[in-house]
């Protein structure tokens, strides 16, 4: 019984440690992302429509077919990718 409690405590400690490391790494990546501004890397904002993105940022260099349900579509631009759910931006990802 004592061995089982010790193993459970070790397992819990390991799972807490790995999640703390993941959070730090994510924060580091977010901190390195250039700001969404003319001084940083201007890119589409959450909620913009596909038509609005084309009007403001031009035609994408690459268009990937929708995947999944709800459909997620990716458009590639120089320096970043834009992800849409249906026809609305859900996020942009800066290429490193």
Protein backbone atom coordinates (compact mmCIF):
# COMPACT_ATOMS: atom_id res chain seq x y z
CA UNK A 1 0.00 0.00 0.00
CA UNK A 2 2.83 2.37 0.88
CA UNK A 3 4.49 1.71 -2.50
CA UNK A 4 1.24 2.55 -4.31
CA UNK A 5 0.90 5.85 -2.42
CA UNK A 6 4.52 6.73 -3.17
CA UNK A 7 4.04 5.92 -6.87
CA UNK A 8 0.84 8.00 -7.00
CA UNK A 9 2.60 10.96 -5.34
CA UNK A 10 5.50 10.72 -7.81
CA UNK A 11 3.12 10.56 -10.75
CA UNK A 12 1.20 13.61 -9.53
CA UNK A 13 4.46 15.54 -9.08
CA UNK A 14 5.60 14.67 -12.60
CA UNK A 15 2.32 15.75 -14.17
CA UNK A 16 2.40 19.09 -12.30
CA UNK A 17 6.02 19.68 -13.33
CA UNK A 18 5.37 19.02 -17.04
CA UNK A 19 2.36 21.34 -17.17
CA UNK A 20 4.36 24.14 -15.51
CA UNK A 21 7.11 23.73 -18.13
CA UNK A 22 4.54 23.84 -20.95
CA UNK A 23 3.05 27.06 -19.63
CA UNK A 24 6.45 28.75 -19.46
CA UNK A 25 7.30 27.73 -23.02
CA UNK A 26 3.96 29.03 -24.34
CA UNK A 27 4.48 32.35 -22.58
CA UNK A 28 7.96 32.63 -24.12
CA UNK A 29 6.56 32.05 -27.62
CA UNK A 30 3.80 34.62 -27.12
CA UNK A 31 6.36 37.16 -25.88
CA UNK A 32 8.46 36.64 -29.03
CA UNK A 33 5.54 37.21 -31.43
CA UNK A 34 5.83 40.64 -33.07
CA UNK A 35 3.01 43.03 -32.18
CA UNK A 36 0.05 43.30 -34.54
CA UNK A 37 0.79 46.89 -35.54
CA UNK A 38 2.45 48.87 -38.33
CA UNK A 39 5.65 48.85 -36.23
CA UNK A 40 5.44 45.05 -35.80
CA UNK A 41 3.80 42.66 -38.25
CA UNK A 42 0.38 43.87 -39.35
CA UNK A 43 -1.95 40.88 -39.82
CA UNK A 44 -5.69 40.07 -39.77
CA UNK A 45 -7.51 40.29 -36.45
CA UNK A 46 -9.87 37.79 -34.86
CA UNK A 47 -13.39 37.97 -36.35
CA UNK A 48 -12.51 39.53 -39.72
CA UNK A 49 -14.29 38.00 -42.71
CA UNK A 50 -12.45 36.37 -45.61
CA UNK A 51 -13.55 39.20 -47.92
CA UNK A 52 -12.30 41.80 -45.45
CA UNK A 53 -8.94 40.03 -45.14
CA UNK A 54 -8.54 40.04 -48.95
CA UNK A 55 -9.47 43.75 -49.12
CA UNK A 56 -6.90 44.75 -46.48
CA UNK A 57 -4.10 42.21 -47.00
CA UNK A 58 -4.47 41.09 -50.63
CA UNK A 59 -4.69 37.61 -52.06
CA UNK A 60 -3.02 34.87 -50.02
CA UNK A 61 0.06 33.17 -51.47
CA UNK A 62 -1.41 29.77 -50.55
CA UNK A 63 -4.95 28.57 -49.84
CA UNK A 64 -5.50 25.22 -48.13
CA UNK A 65 -8.74 23.27 -48.35
CA UNK A 66 -11.08 23.31 -45.33
CA UNK A 67 -10.55 20.53 -42.80
CA UNK A 68 -12.87 19.13 -40.13
CA UNK A 69 -16.19 20.23 -38.68
CA UNK A 70 -16.59 23.12 -38.27
CA UNK A 71 -14.47 23.70 -41.36
CA UNK A 72 -11.07 25.28 -40.63
CA UNK A 73 -9.34 26.91 -43.61
CA UNK A 74 -5.77 28.19 -43.70
CA UNK A 75 -4.46 30.98 -45.91
CA UNK A 76 -0.73 31.53 -46.20
CA UNK A 77 0.76 35.02 -46.39
CA UNK A 78 4.36 36.21 -46.30
CA UNK A 79 5.37 35.89 -42.65
CA UNK A 80 2.16 34.45 -41.21
CA UNK A 81 -0.82 32.11 -41.70
CA UNK A 82 -4.47 33.00 -41.14
CA UNK A 83 -6.92 30.39 -39.83
CA UNK A 84 -10.64 30.72 -40.47
CA UNK A 85 -13.65 28.94 -39.00
CA UNK A 86 -16.23 29.09 -41.76
CA UNK A 87 -15.45 32.59 -43.14
CA UNK A 88 -14.17 34.31 -39.96
CA UNK A 89 -10.59 34.65 -38.67
CA UNK A 90 -10.03 32.63 -35.50
CA UNK A 91 -6.27 33.27 -35.23
CA UNK A 92 -3.12 34.24 -37.07
CA UNK A 93 0.17 32.43 -36.56
CA UNK A 94 3.46 34.22 -37.21
CA UNK A 95 6.09 32.12 -39.00
CA UNK A 96 9.34 31.95 -37.05
